Amino acid sequence: MIRKIGLFLLSLWLLFILIILITAKIPLDVSLNAVFVGWRFLVVNNIIPIFCLIALIIGYISYRDFIHQIKGTPELSFKVKEIEKIDYEHLTFLTTYIIPLVCFQFDNLRYIFAFLIILFVIGSIYIRTDLFYANPTLAILNFRIYKVSGEFRNGETRQNKILISKDLIEKEDRVKYYKLDERIYYATKVNSND
C-alpha cells in the first residue's frame, strides 16, 4: 500500500512542478542593497509550494524504491503469447487528472481544501483500482505499458497481465518479471544470449 501511495505521488510530479511554478512567491531583487526577506516570510507565503516540494521528494523516494525493486528482479520468466501496447493509459491519466487540477485558484482557502479532497479521492481510486501503472512520470522516464497473455511454468497460461518495462517487448519474447501486484508486473526482456 505504501509503495502504491508513493507511485501515486510520483504520477503527479508534473502537477506538483506546475503548481510550484504557479504559486511560488519568492521576491527577487538583484540590486546591491537587496535584503533577504527571511525564512518566516518564505515559509508563510509558500505553504502550497512547500507541500508540493515534499510530495515531489516522496515521489522521488518512491521512484528510487521502484528502481531498487526492479534490480532485485528474480529469475522468474514467461513467454509472451499475446501482446497489446497500452501506452495511451499515461496520456489518459495526464489529461483526465493532472491538467484540470492545475486550473485551481490556490489563492482561495476553499479551493485549496477542494483541491486536497479531490487529490485524496483520485489517490484512493488510483490505489484501489491498481491504476498505478498508468503513471505519466514513468512514461517520461521511458517506461512502456503492455497488456499480455503469457505462458508461465508448466505450460500455464495467464491472461490480461500488465507489464511495465523499459524494453521493447514483442510477441514470443521471453521476459523476466517482478510481481508488483496481482496482475501487474515489472518486466525485462531476456536476451537470447542469457
N, C-alpha and C. Protein backbone atom coordinates (compact mmCIF):
# COMPACT_ATOMS: atom_id res chain seq x y z
N MET A 1 0.82 -1.20 0.00
CA MET A 1 0.00 0.00 0.00
C MET A 1 0.87 1.27 0.00
N ILE A 2 1.94 1.25 0.80
CA ILE A 2 2.82 2.42 0.87
C ILE A 2 3.48 2.66 -0.49
N ARG A 3 3.90 1.56 -1.16
CA ARG A 3 4.51 1.70 -2.48
C ARG A 3 3.51 2.30 -3.47
N LYS A 4 2.26 1.90 -3.39
CA LYS A 4 1.24 2.42 -4.31
C LYS A 4 1.01 3.91 -4.06
N ILE A 5 1.01 4.33 -2.79
CA ILE A 5 0.86 5.76 -2.47
C ILE A 5 2.05 6.53 -3.04
N GLY A 6 3.25 5.98 -2.85
CA GLY A 6 4.44 6.62 -3.40
C GLY A 6 4.39 6.73 -4.91
N LEU A 7 3.93 5.67 -5.59
CA LEU A 7 3.81 5.71 -7.05
C LEU A 7 2.72 6.68 -7.48
N PHE A 8 1.68 6.85 -6.66
CA PHE A 8 0.66 7.85 -6.96
C PHE A 8 1.27 9.24 -6.91
N LEU A 9 2.04 9.53 -5.87
CA LEU A 9 2.69 10.84 -5.78
C LEU A 9 3.68 11.02 -6.92
N LEU A 10 4.37 9.96 -7.31
CA LEU A 10 5.27 10.01 -8.46
C LEU A 10 4.50 10.37 -9.73
N SER A 11 3.30 9.82 -9.87
CA SER A 11 2.49 10.08 -11.08
C SER A 11 2.08 11.55 -11.17
N LEU A 12 2.11 12.26 -10.05
CA LEU A 12 1.69 13.66 -10.03
C LEU A 12 2.86 14.64 -10.06
N TRP A 13 4.05 14.17 -10.37
CA TRP A 13 5.21 15.06 -10.42
C TRP A 13 4.96 16.29 -11.28
N LEU A 14 4.45 16.09 -12.46
CA LEU A 14 4.22 17.22 -13.36
C LEU A 14 3.25 18.22 -12.72
N LEU A 15 2.19 17.73 -12.10
CA LEU A 15 1.24 18.60 -11.42
C LEU A 15 1.93 19.40 -10.33
N PHE A 16 2.73 18.75 -9.50
CA PHE A 16 3.40 19.44 -8.41
C PHE A 16 4.38 20.49 -8.92
N ILE A 17 5.10 20.17 -9.98
CA ILE A 17 6.04 21.15 -10.56
C ILE A 17 5.28 22.36 -11.09
N LEU A 18 4.17 22.11 -11.80
CA LEU A 18 3.37 23.23 -12.33
C LEU A 18 2.79 24.08 -11.21
N ILE A 19 2.32 23.45 -10.14
CA ILE A 19 1.76 24.21 -9.02
C ILE A 19 2.85 25.06 -8.36
N ILE A 20 4.04 24.52 -8.22
CA ILE A 20 5.15 25.30 -7.66
C ILE A 20 5.42 26.52 -8.54
N LEU A 21 5.46 26.31 -9.85
CA LEU A 21 5.71 27.44 -10.76
C LEU A 21 4.61 28.50 -10.68
N ILE A 22 3.37 28.05 -10.51
CA ILE A 22 2.23 28.98 -10.49
C ILE A 22 2.13 29.71 -9.16
N THR A 23 2.42 29.04 -8.04
CA THR A 23 2.11 29.61 -6.73
C THR A 23 3.30 30.13 -5.93
N ALA A 24 4.52 29.80 -6.31
CA ALA A 24 5.69 30.21 -5.52
C ALA A 24 5.79 31.73 -5.46
N LYS A 25 5.97 32.23 -4.25
CA LYS A 25 6.12 33.68 -4.04
C LYS A 25 7.50 33.93 -3.44
N ILE A 26 8.46 34.13 -4.33
CA ILE A 26 9.83 34.38 -3.91
C ILE A 26 10.26 35.71 -4.50
N PRO A 27 10.39 36.71 -3.66
CA PRO A 27 10.79 38.02 -4.18
C PRO A 27 12.23 37.98 -4.70
N LEU A 28 12.42 38.50 -5.89
CA LEU A 28 13.74 38.54 -6.48
C LEU A 28 14.21 39.99 -6.60
N ASP A 29 15.27 40.27 -5.93
CA ASP A 29 15.87 41.60 -6.01
C ASP A 29 17.38 41.38 -6.13
N VAL A 30 17.93 41.74 -7.27
CA VAL A 30 19.36 41.51 -7.51
C VAL A 30 20.19 42.78 -7.37
N SER A 31 19.60 43.81 -6.79
CA SER A 31 20.35 45.05 -6.61
C SER A 31 21.40 44.89 -5.50
N LEU A 32 22.33 45.79 -5.43
CA LEU A 32 23.41 45.70 -4.45
C LEU A 32 22.91 45.86 -3.01
N ASN A 33 21.84 46.62 -2.82
CA ASN A 33 21.33 46.81 -1.46
C ASN A 33 20.11 45.91 -1.18
N ALA A 34 20.05 44.75 -1.83
CA ALA A 34 18.96 43.79 -1.60
C ALA A 34 19.10 43.17 -0.21
N VAL A 35 17.98 42.90 0.41
CA VAL A 35 17.96 42.33 1.76
C VAL A 35 17.14 41.05 1.72
N PHE A 36 17.64 40.00 2.38
CA PHE A 36 16.92 38.73 2.47
C PHE A 36 15.64 38.95 3.28
N VAL A 37 14.49 38.48 2.74
CA VAL A 37 13.19 38.71 3.38
C VAL A 37 12.98 37.84 4.61
N GLY A 38 13.75 36.81 4.76
CA GLY A 38 13.65 35.95 5.94
C GLY A 38 12.93 34.65 5.66
N TRP A 39 13.32 33.62 6.43
CA TRP A 39 12.74 32.29 6.24
C TRP A 39 11.27 32.26 6.60
N ARG A 40 10.90 32.99 7.65
CA ARG A 40 9.48 33.01 8.07
C ARG A 40 8.59 33.52 6.94
N PHE A 41 8.99 34.60 6.31
CA PHE A 41 8.22 35.16 5.19
C PHE A 41 8.10 34.13 4.06
N LEU A 42 9.22 33.47 3.73
CA LEU A 42 9.21 32.49 2.64
C LEU A 42 8.30 31.30 2.96
N VAL A 43 8.37 30.80 4.21
CA VAL A 43 7.55 29.64 4.58
C VAL A 43 6.07 30.02 4.61
N VAL A 44 5.73 31.10 5.27
CA VAL A 44 4.32 31.51 5.40
C VAL A 44 3.69 31.78 4.04
N ASN A 45 4.43 32.35 3.13
CA ASN A 45 3.87 32.71 1.81
C ASN A 45 4.00 31.60 0.77
N ASN A 46 4.58 30.47 1.16
CA ASN A 46 4.78 29.39 0.19
C ASN A 46 4.39 28.02 0.75
N ILE A 47 3.30 27.97 1.48
CA ILE A 47 2.84 26.70 2.07
C ILE A 47 2.54 25.68 0.96
N ILE A 48 1.80 26.08 -0.05
CA ILE A 48 1.42 25.15 -1.14
C ILE A 48 2.67 24.67 -1.89
N PRO A 49 3.57 25.56 -2.31
CA PRO A 49 4.79 25.07 -2.97
C PRO A 49 5.62 24.15 -2.08
N ILE A 50 5.66 24.41 -0.76
CA ILE A 50 6.41 23.54 0.15
C ILE A 50 5.75 22.17 0.21
N PHE A 51 4.42 22.13 0.30
CA PHE A 51 3.67 20.87 0.28
C PHE A 51 4.00 20.09 -1.01
N CYS A 52 4.00 20.80 -2.14
CA CYS A 52 4.31 20.16 -3.43
C CYS A 52 5.75 19.66 -3.48
N LEU A 53 6.66 20.43 -2.91
CA LEU A 53 8.07 20.01 -2.86
C LEU A 53 8.23 18.74 -2.03
N ILE A 54 7.54 18.67 -0.90
CA ILE A 54 7.58 17.46 -0.06
C ILE A 54 7.01 16.27 -0.84
N ALA A 55 5.90 16.49 -1.56
CA ALA A 55 5.31 15.42 -2.37
C ALA A 55 6.27 14.98 -3.48
N LEU A 56 6.99 15.94 -4.08
CA LEU A 56 8.00 15.59 -5.10
C LEU A 56 9.10 14.72 -4.50
N ILE A 57 9.54 15.06 -3.30
CA ILE A 57 10.60 14.29 -2.64
C ILE A 57 10.11 12.88 -2.33
N ILE A 58 8.87 12.75 -1.83
CA ILE A 58 8.31 11.43 -1.54
C ILE A 58 8.19 10.63 -2.84
N GLY A 59 7.76 11.30 -3.92
CA GLY A 59 7.68 10.64 -5.23
C GLY A 59 9.04 10.17 -5.70
N TYR A 60 10.07 10.97 -5.48
CA TYR A 60 11.43 10.59 -5.87
C TYR A 60 11.89 9.38 -5.06
N ILE A 61 11.64 9.39 -3.76
CA ILE A 61 12.00 8.25 -2.92
C ILE A 61 11.27 7.00 -3.41
N SER A 62 10.01 7.16 -3.77
CA SER A 62 9.23 6.04 -4.30
C SER A 62 9.83 5.52 -5.60
N TYR A 63 10.26 6.43 -6.47
CA TYR A 63 10.89 6.03 -7.74
C TYR A 63 12.18 5.25 -7.46
N ARG A 64 12.99 5.74 -6.53
CA ARG A 64 14.24 5.05 -6.20
C ARG A 64 13.93 3.65 -5.64
N ASP A 65 12.88 3.54 -4.83
CA ASP A 65 12.47 2.24 -4.30
C ASP A 65 12.02 1.33 -5.43
N PHE A 66 11.26 1.88 -6.38
CA PHE A 66 10.78 1.12 -7.54
C PHE A 66 11.98 0.58 -8.33
N ILE A 67 12.97 1.43 -8.59
CA ILE A 67 14.17 1.02 -9.33
C ILE A 67 14.93 -0.04 -8.53
N HIS A 68 15.01 0.13 -7.22
CA HIS A 68 15.69 -0.86 -6.37
C HIS A 68 14.98 -2.21 -6.45
N GLN A 69 13.66 -2.20 -6.40
CA GLN A 69 12.89 -3.45 -6.51
C GLN A 69 13.14 -4.11 -7.86
N ILE A 70 13.20 -3.29 -8.90
CA ILE A 70 13.42 -3.82 -10.25
C ILE A 70 14.77 -4.52 -10.34
N LYS A 71 15.80 -3.92 -9.73
CA LYS A 71 17.14 -4.53 -9.79
C LYS A 71 17.17 -5.86 -9.09
N GLY A 72 16.25 -6.07 -8.15
CA GLY A 72 16.18 -7.34 -7.46
C GLY A 72 15.26 -8.34 -8.15
N THR A 73 14.96 -8.09 -9.44
CA THR A 73 14.07 -8.97 -10.18
C THR A 73 14.58 -10.40 -10.13
N PRO A 74 13.75 -11.31 -9.65
CA PRO A 74 14.18 -12.71 -9.60
C PRO A 74 14.23 -13.30 -11.01
N GLU A 75 14.77 -14.48 -11.10
CA GLU A 75 14.93 -15.12 -12.40
C GLU A 75 13.66 -15.86 -12.85
N LEU A 76 12.49 -15.36 -12.46
CA LEU A 76 11.23 -15.92 -12.94
C LEU A 76 11.00 -15.37 -14.34
N SER A 77 10.52 -16.20 -15.24
CA SER A 77 10.28 -15.70 -16.59
C SER A 77 9.06 -16.38 -17.20
N PHE A 78 8.57 -15.78 -18.27
CA PHE A 78 7.49 -16.39 -19.05
C PHE A 78 7.63 -15.94 -20.50
N LYS A 79 6.93 -16.65 -21.37
CA LYS A 79 6.97 -16.34 -22.80
C LYS A 79 5.69 -15.59 -23.16
N VAL A 80 5.86 -14.45 -23.85
CA VAL A 80 4.72 -13.62 -24.25
C VAL A 80 4.01 -14.29 -25.42
N LYS A 81 2.72 -14.55 -25.26
CA LYS A 81 1.93 -15.19 -26.33
C LYS A 81 1.05 -14.18 -27.07
N GLU A 82 0.50 -13.22 -26.36
CA GLU A 82 -0.27 -12.14 -26.96
C GLU A 82 0.16 -10.85 -26.29
N ILE A 83 0.20 -9.77 -27.07
CA ILE A 83 0.66 -8.51 -26.51
C ILE A 83 -0.09 -7.35 -27.13
N GLU A 84 -0.40 -6.36 -26.30
CA GLU A 84 -1.03 -5.13 -26.77
C GLU A 84 -0.36 -3.97 -26.05
N LYS A 85 0.10 -3.00 -26.81
CA LYS A 85 0.73 -1.83 -26.23
C LYS A 85 -0.37 -0.90 -25.72
N ILE A 86 -0.31 -0.51 -24.45
CA ILE A 86 -1.36 0.37 -23.90
C ILE A 86 -0.74 1.64 -23.30
N ASP A 87 0.23 2.19 -23.98
CA ASP A 87 0.88 3.43 -23.51
C ASP A 87 -0.08 4.61 -23.43
N TYR A 88 -1.20 4.54 -24.14
CA TYR A 88 -2.18 5.64 -24.10
C TYR A 88 -2.72 5.85 -22.68
N GLU A 89 -2.58 4.85 -21.81
CA GLU A 89 -3.06 4.98 -20.43
C GLU A 89 -2.34 6.14 -19.73
N HIS A 90 -1.05 6.38 -20.07
CA HIS A 90 -0.33 7.51 -19.49
C HIS A 90 -1.02 8.82 -19.84
N LEU A 91 -1.35 8.97 -21.11
CA LEU A 91 -1.97 10.20 -21.60
C LEU A 91 -3.37 10.38 -21.00
N THR A 92 -4.10 9.30 -20.87
CA THR A 92 -5.44 9.36 -20.26
C THR A 92 -5.35 9.90 -18.85
N PHE A 93 -4.40 9.39 -18.07
CA PHE A 93 -4.24 9.85 -16.69
C PHE A 93 -3.85 11.32 -16.67
N LEU A 94 -2.94 11.70 -17.54
CA LEU A 94 -2.45 13.08 -17.60
C LEU A 94 -3.58 14.05 -17.92
N THR A 95 -4.33 13.76 -18.97
CA THR A 95 -5.38 14.71 -19.39
C THR A 95 -6.60 14.68 -18.49
N THR A 96 -6.89 13.55 -17.88
CA THR A 96 -8.08 13.45 -17.05
C THR A 96 -7.86 14.00 -15.65
N TYR A 97 -6.70 13.76 -15.08
CA TYR A 97 -6.49 14.11 -13.68
C TYR A 97 -5.55 15.28 -13.46
N ILE A 98 -4.44 15.32 -14.16
CA ILE A 98 -3.41 16.31 -13.85
C ILE A 98 -3.72 17.69 -14.41
N ILE A 99 -3.99 17.78 -15.70
CA ILE A 99 -4.19 19.09 -16.33
C ILE A 99 -5.34 19.89 -15.69
N PRO A 100 -6.52 19.29 -15.44
CA PRO A 100 -7.59 20.08 -14.81
C PRO A 100 -7.23 20.59 -13.41
N LEU A 101 -6.40 19.87 -12.67
CA LEU A 101 -6.06 20.30 -11.31
C LEU A 101 -5.15 21.53 -11.29
N VAL A 102 -4.45 21.80 -12.36
CA VAL A 102 -3.58 22.98 -12.42
C VAL A 102 -4.42 24.25 -12.42
N CYS A 103 -5.67 24.17 -12.85
CA CYS A 103 -6.53 25.35 -13.00
C CYS A 103 -7.16 25.82 -11.69
N PHE A 104 -6.88 25.16 -10.58
CA PHE A 104 -7.43 25.58 -9.31
C PHE A 104 -6.88 26.94 -8.91
N GLN A 105 -7.70 27.71 -8.19
CA GLN A 105 -7.27 29.01 -7.68
C GLN A 105 -6.66 28.78 -6.29
N PHE A 106 -5.37 28.79 -6.23
CA PHE A 106 -4.69 28.47 -4.98
C PHE A 106 -4.59 29.66 -4.04
N ASP A 107 -5.18 30.80 -4.41
CA ASP A 107 -5.22 31.97 -3.53
C ASP A 107 -6.39 31.89 -2.57
N ASN A 108 -7.35 31.01 -2.86
CA ASN A 108 -8.57 30.91 -2.07
C ASN A 108 -8.52 29.63 -1.24
N LEU A 109 -8.71 29.77 0.08
CA LEU A 109 -8.61 28.63 1.00
C LEU A 109 -9.63 27.54 0.67
N ARG A 110 -10.83 27.91 0.25
CA ARG A 110 -11.85 26.92 -0.11
C ARG A 110 -11.39 26.06 -1.29
N TYR A 111 -10.77 26.70 -2.27
CA TYR A 111 -10.26 25.96 -3.42
C TYR A 111 -9.12 25.03 -3.03
N ILE A 112 -8.32 25.45 -2.08
CA ILE A 112 -7.22 24.61 -1.61
C ILE A 112 -7.79 23.35 -0.95
N PHE A 113 -8.81 23.52 -0.09
CA PHE A 113 -9.45 22.35 0.53
C PHE A 113 -10.11 21.46 -0.51
N ALA A 114 -10.77 22.06 -1.49
CA ALA A 114 -11.40 21.28 -2.57
C ALA A 114 -10.33 20.51 -3.35
N PHE A 115 -9.21 21.16 -3.62
CA PHE A 115 -8.10 20.52 -4.32
C PHE A 115 -7.59 19.31 -3.53
N LEU A 116 -7.39 19.48 -2.23
CA LEU A 116 -6.88 18.38 -1.39
C LEU A 116 -7.88 17.22 -1.32
N ILE A 117 -9.17 17.54 -1.26
CA ILE A 117 -10.20 16.49 -1.24
C ILE A 117 -10.19 15.73 -2.56
N ILE A 118 -10.13 16.46 -3.67
CA ILE A 118 -10.10 15.81 -4.99
C ILE A 118 -8.84 14.96 -5.13
N LEU A 119 -7.71 15.47 -4.68
CA LEU A 119 -6.46 14.71 -4.73
C LEU A 119 -6.57 13.43 -3.91
N PHE A 120 -7.19 13.53 -2.73
CA PHE A 120 -7.40 12.34 -1.89
C PHE A 120 -8.31 11.33 -2.58
N VAL A 121 -9.40 11.79 -3.18
CA VAL A 121 -10.34 10.90 -3.86
C VAL A 121 -9.66 10.23 -5.06
N ILE A 122 -8.94 11.01 -5.86
CA ILE A 122 -8.23 10.44 -7.02
C ILE A 122 -7.20 9.41 -6.54
N GLY A 123 -6.47 9.76 -5.49
CA GLY A 123 -5.47 8.83 -4.94
C GLY A 123 -6.10 7.53 -4.46
N SER A 124 -7.24 7.64 -3.78
CA SER A 124 -7.94 6.44 -3.30
C SER A 124 -8.36 5.56 -4.46
N ILE A 125 -8.93 6.16 -5.48
CA ILE A 125 -9.36 5.40 -6.66
C ILE A 125 -8.14 4.79 -7.36
N TYR A 126 -7.12 5.58 -7.51
CA TYR A 126 -5.89 5.17 -8.17
C TYR A 126 -5.29 3.93 -7.50
N ILE A 127 -5.28 3.94 -6.16
CA ILE A 127 -4.68 2.84 -5.41
C ILE A 127 -5.59 1.62 -5.38
N ARG A 128 -6.88 1.83 -5.15
CA ARG A 128 -7.81 0.70 -5.05
C ARG A 128 -8.04 -0.01 -6.37
N THR A 129 -7.94 0.72 -7.48
CA THR A 129 -8.17 0.10 -8.79
C THR A 129 -6.87 -0.31 -9.46
N ASP A 130 -5.75 -0.19 -8.75
CA ASP A 130 -4.44 -0.59 -9.27
C ASP A 130 -4.06 0.12 -10.56
N LEU A 131 -4.40 1.40 -10.65
CA LEU A 131 -4.04 2.17 -11.84
C LEU A 131 -2.65 2.80 -11.72
N PHE A 132 -1.86 2.37 -10.74
CA PHE A 132 -0.55 2.97 -10.56
C PHE A 132 0.36 2.75 -11.76
N TYR A 133 0.02 1.81 -12.63
CA TYR A 133 0.83 1.59 -13.82
C TYR A 133 0.62 2.69 -14.85
N ALA A 134 -0.51 3.40 -14.79
CA ALA A 134 -0.81 4.48 -15.75
C ALA A 134 -0.18 5.77 -15.24
N ASN A 135 1.10 5.77 -15.14
CA ASN A 135 1.85 6.81 -14.47
C ASN A 135 2.59 7.66 -15.51
N PRO A 136 2.15 8.90 -15.76
CA PRO A 136 2.81 9.71 -16.79
C PRO A 136 4.28 9.99 -16.51
N THR A 137 4.66 10.01 -15.24
CA THR A 137 6.07 10.23 -14.92
C THR A 137 6.91 9.05 -15.40
N LEU A 138 6.38 7.83 -15.25
CA LEU A 138 7.11 6.67 -15.75
C LEU A 138 7.23 6.74 -17.28
N ALA A 139 6.22 7.27 -17.95
CA ALA A 139 6.30 7.44 -19.41
C ALA A 139 7.42 8.42 -19.76
N ILE A 140 7.51 9.50 -19.02
CA ILE A 140 8.58 10.48 -19.26
C ILE A 140 9.95 9.83 -19.03
N LEU A 141 10.00 8.90 -18.08
CA LEU A 141 11.25 8.20 -17.76
C LEU A 141 11.47 6.99 -18.67
N ASN A 142 10.71 6.92 -19.77
CA ASN A 142 10.90 5.93 -20.84
C ASN A 142 10.42 4.51 -20.51
N PHE A 143 9.41 4.39 -19.66
CA PHE A 143 8.79 3.10 -19.41
C PHE A 143 7.63 2.92 -20.37
N ARG A 144 7.34 1.68 -20.73
CA ARG A 144 6.22 1.33 -21.61
C ARG A 144 5.25 0.45 -20.84
N ILE A 145 3.99 0.44 -21.30
CA ILE A 145 2.98 -0.41 -20.68
C ILE A 145 2.43 -1.36 -21.73
N TYR A 146 2.32 -2.64 -21.34
CA TYR A 146 1.78 -3.67 -22.23
C TYR A 146 0.72 -4.47 -21.49
N LYS A 147 -0.28 -4.92 -22.22
CA LYS A 147 -1.23 -5.92 -21.71
C LYS A 147 -0.88 -7.21 -22.44
N VAL A 148 -0.59 -8.27 -21.67
CA VAL A 148 -0.11 -9.50 -22.29
C VAL A 148 -0.84 -10.74 -21.75
N SER A 149 -0.73 -11.77 -22.54
CA SER A 149 -1.03 -13.13 -22.09
C SER A 149 0.28 -13.88 -22.24
N GLY A 150 0.59 -14.70 -21.25
CA GLY A 150 1.88 -15.37 -21.30
C GLY A 150 1.81 -16.82 -20.88
N GLU A 151 2.83 -17.54 -21.31
CA GLU A 151 2.96 -18.95 -20.95
C GLU A 151 4.00 -19.05 -19.84
N PHE A 152 3.52 -19.41 -18.65
CA PHE A 152 4.37 -19.50 -17.47
C PHE A 152 4.87 -20.93 -17.29
N ARG A 153 5.41 -21.23 -16.14
CA ARG A 153 5.93 -22.57 -15.87
C ARG A 153 4.85 -23.63 -16.07
N ASN A 154 5.26 -24.80 -16.43
CA ASN A 154 4.38 -25.96 -16.62
C ASN A 154 3.30 -25.70 -17.66
N GLY A 155 3.55 -24.79 -18.61
CA GLY A 155 2.60 -24.52 -19.68
C GLY A 155 1.37 -23.74 -19.25
N GLU A 156 1.35 -23.23 -18.01
CA GLU A 156 0.21 -22.45 -17.52
C GLU A 156 0.11 -21.13 -18.27
N THR A 157 -1.09 -20.82 -18.78
CA THR A 157 -1.31 -19.56 -19.48
C THR A 157 -2.05 -18.60 -18.56
N ARG A 158 -1.52 -17.38 -18.47
CA ARG A 158 -2.18 -16.32 -17.69
C ARG A 158 -2.47 -15.18 -18.65
N GLN A 159 -3.68 -14.64 -18.50
CA GLN A 159 -4.12 -13.60 -19.43
C GLN A 159 -4.29 -12.26 -18.72
N ASN A 160 -4.31 -11.21 -19.55
CA ASN A 160 -4.58 -9.84 -19.08
C ASN A 160 -3.64 -9.38 -17.97
N LYS A 161 -2.37 -9.68 -18.12
CA LYS A 161 -1.36 -9.18 -17.20
C LYS A 161 -0.82 -7.88 -17.76
N ILE A 162 -0.52 -6.94 -16.88
CA ILE A 162 0.03 -5.65 -17.27
C ILE A 162 1.53 -5.68 -17.01
N LEU A 163 2.31 -5.34 -18.03
CA LEU A 163 3.76 -5.27 -17.88
C LEU A 163 4.20 -3.81 -17.96
N ILE A 164 5.08 -3.42 -17.06
CA ILE A 164 5.76 -2.13 -17.11
C ILE A 164 7.20 -2.45 -17.45
N SER A 165 7.72 -1.86 -18.52
CA SER A 165 9.07 -2.21 -18.93
C SER A 165 9.73 -1.05 -19.68
N LYS A 166 11.03 -0.99 -19.59
CA LYS A 166 11.79 -0.05 -20.42
C LYS A 166 12.15 -0.68 -21.76
N ASP A 167 11.97 -1.99 -21.84
CA ASP A 167 12.31 -2.72 -23.06
C ASP A 167 11.16 -2.71 -24.05
N LEU A 168 11.50 -2.83 -25.32
CA LEU A 168 10.51 -3.02 -26.37
C LEU A 168 10.21 -4.51 -26.43
N ILE A 169 9.03 -4.89 -26.01
CA ILE A 169 8.67 -6.30 -25.92
C ILE A 169 7.72 -6.66 -27.06
N GLU A 170 7.93 -7.82 -27.64
CA GLU A 170 7.11 -8.28 -28.75
C GLU A 170 6.63 -9.70 -28.47
N LYS A 171 5.68 -10.15 -29.28
CA LYS A 171 5.13 -11.49 -29.17
C LYS A 171 6.27 -12.51 -29.31
N GLU A 172 6.21 -13.57 -28.51
CA GLU A 172 7.17 -14.67 -28.47
C GLU A 172 8.46 -14.31 -27.72
N ASP A 173 8.60 -13.09 -27.22
CA ASP A 173 9.76 -12.75 -26.39
C ASP A 173 9.62 -13.43 -25.04
N ARG A 174 10.76 -13.75 -24.44
CA ARG A 174 10.75 -14.26 -23.07
C ARG A 174 11.15 -13.09 -22.18
N VAL A 175 10.40 -12.90 -21.08
CA VAL A 175 10.67 -11.79 -20.16
C VAL A 175 10.82 -12.30 -18.73
N LYS A 176 11.76 -11.67 -18.01
CA LYS A 176 11.88 -11.88 -16.57
C LYS A 176 10.92 -10.89 -15.93
N TYR A 177 10.36 -11.25 -14.79
CA TYR A 177 9.40 -10.34 -14.18
C TYR A 177 9.53 -10.26 -12.67
N TYR A 178 9.04 -9.14 -12.16
CA TYR A 178 8.91 -8.91 -10.73
C TYR A 178 7.46 -8.53 -10.51
N LYS A 179 6.79 -9.25 -9.65
CA LYS A 179 5.36 -9.04 -9.41
C LYS A 179 5.15 -7.82 -8.52
N LEU A 180 4.50 -6.78 -9.08
CA LEU A 180 4.19 -5.58 -8.31
C LEU A 180 2.83 -5.70 -7.64
N ASP A 181 1.94 -6.43 -8.28
CA ASP A 181 0.56 -6.57 -7.84
C ASP A 181 0.04 -7.87 -8.43
N GLU A 182 -1.18 -8.23 -8.12
CA GLU A 182 -1.74 -9.49 -8.60
C GLU A 182 -1.71 -9.61 -10.12
N ARG A 183 -1.92 -8.49 -10.83
CA ARG A 183 -1.94 -8.57 -12.29
C ARG A 183 -0.92 -7.65 -12.96
N ILE A 184 -0.09 -6.98 -12.16
CA ILE A 184 0.85 -6.00 -12.71
C ILE A 184 2.27 -6.42 -12.37
N TYR A 185 3.10 -6.50 -13.43
CA TYR A 185 4.48 -6.93 -13.28
C TYR A 185 5.43 -5.90 -13.89
N TYR A 186 6.62 -5.82 -13.30
CA TYR A 186 7.71 -5.14 -13.98
C TYR A 186 8.43 -6.22 -14.76
N ALA A 187 8.76 -5.96 -16.01
CA ALA A 187 9.39 -6.99 -16.84
C ALA A 187 10.60 -6.45 -17.58
N THR A 188 11.58 -7.33 -17.75
CA THR A 188 12.73 -7.04 -18.61
C THR A 188 12.86 -8.18 -19.60
N LYS A 189 13.22 -7.82 -20.80
CA LYS A 189 13.36 -8.79 -21.87
C LYS A 189 14.58 -9.66 -21.61
N VAL A 190 14.42 -10.97 -21.80
CA VAL A 190 15.53 -11.90 -21.67
C VAL A 190 16.19 -11.99 -23.04
N ASN A 191 17.45 -11.64 -23.10
CA ASN A 191 18.18 -11.72 -24.36
C ASN A 191 18.43 -13.18 -24.71
N SER A 192 18.51 -13.46 -25.98
CA SER A 192 18.75 -14.85 -26.40
C SER A 192 20.10 -15.37 -25.92
N ASN A 193 21.03 -14.44 -25.57
CA ASN A 193 22.35 -14.83 -25.06
C ASN A 193 22.29 -15.29 -23.61
N ASP A 194 21.20 -14.88 -22.87
CA ASP A 194 21.09 -15.19 -21.44
C ASP A 194 20.76 -16.65 -21.21
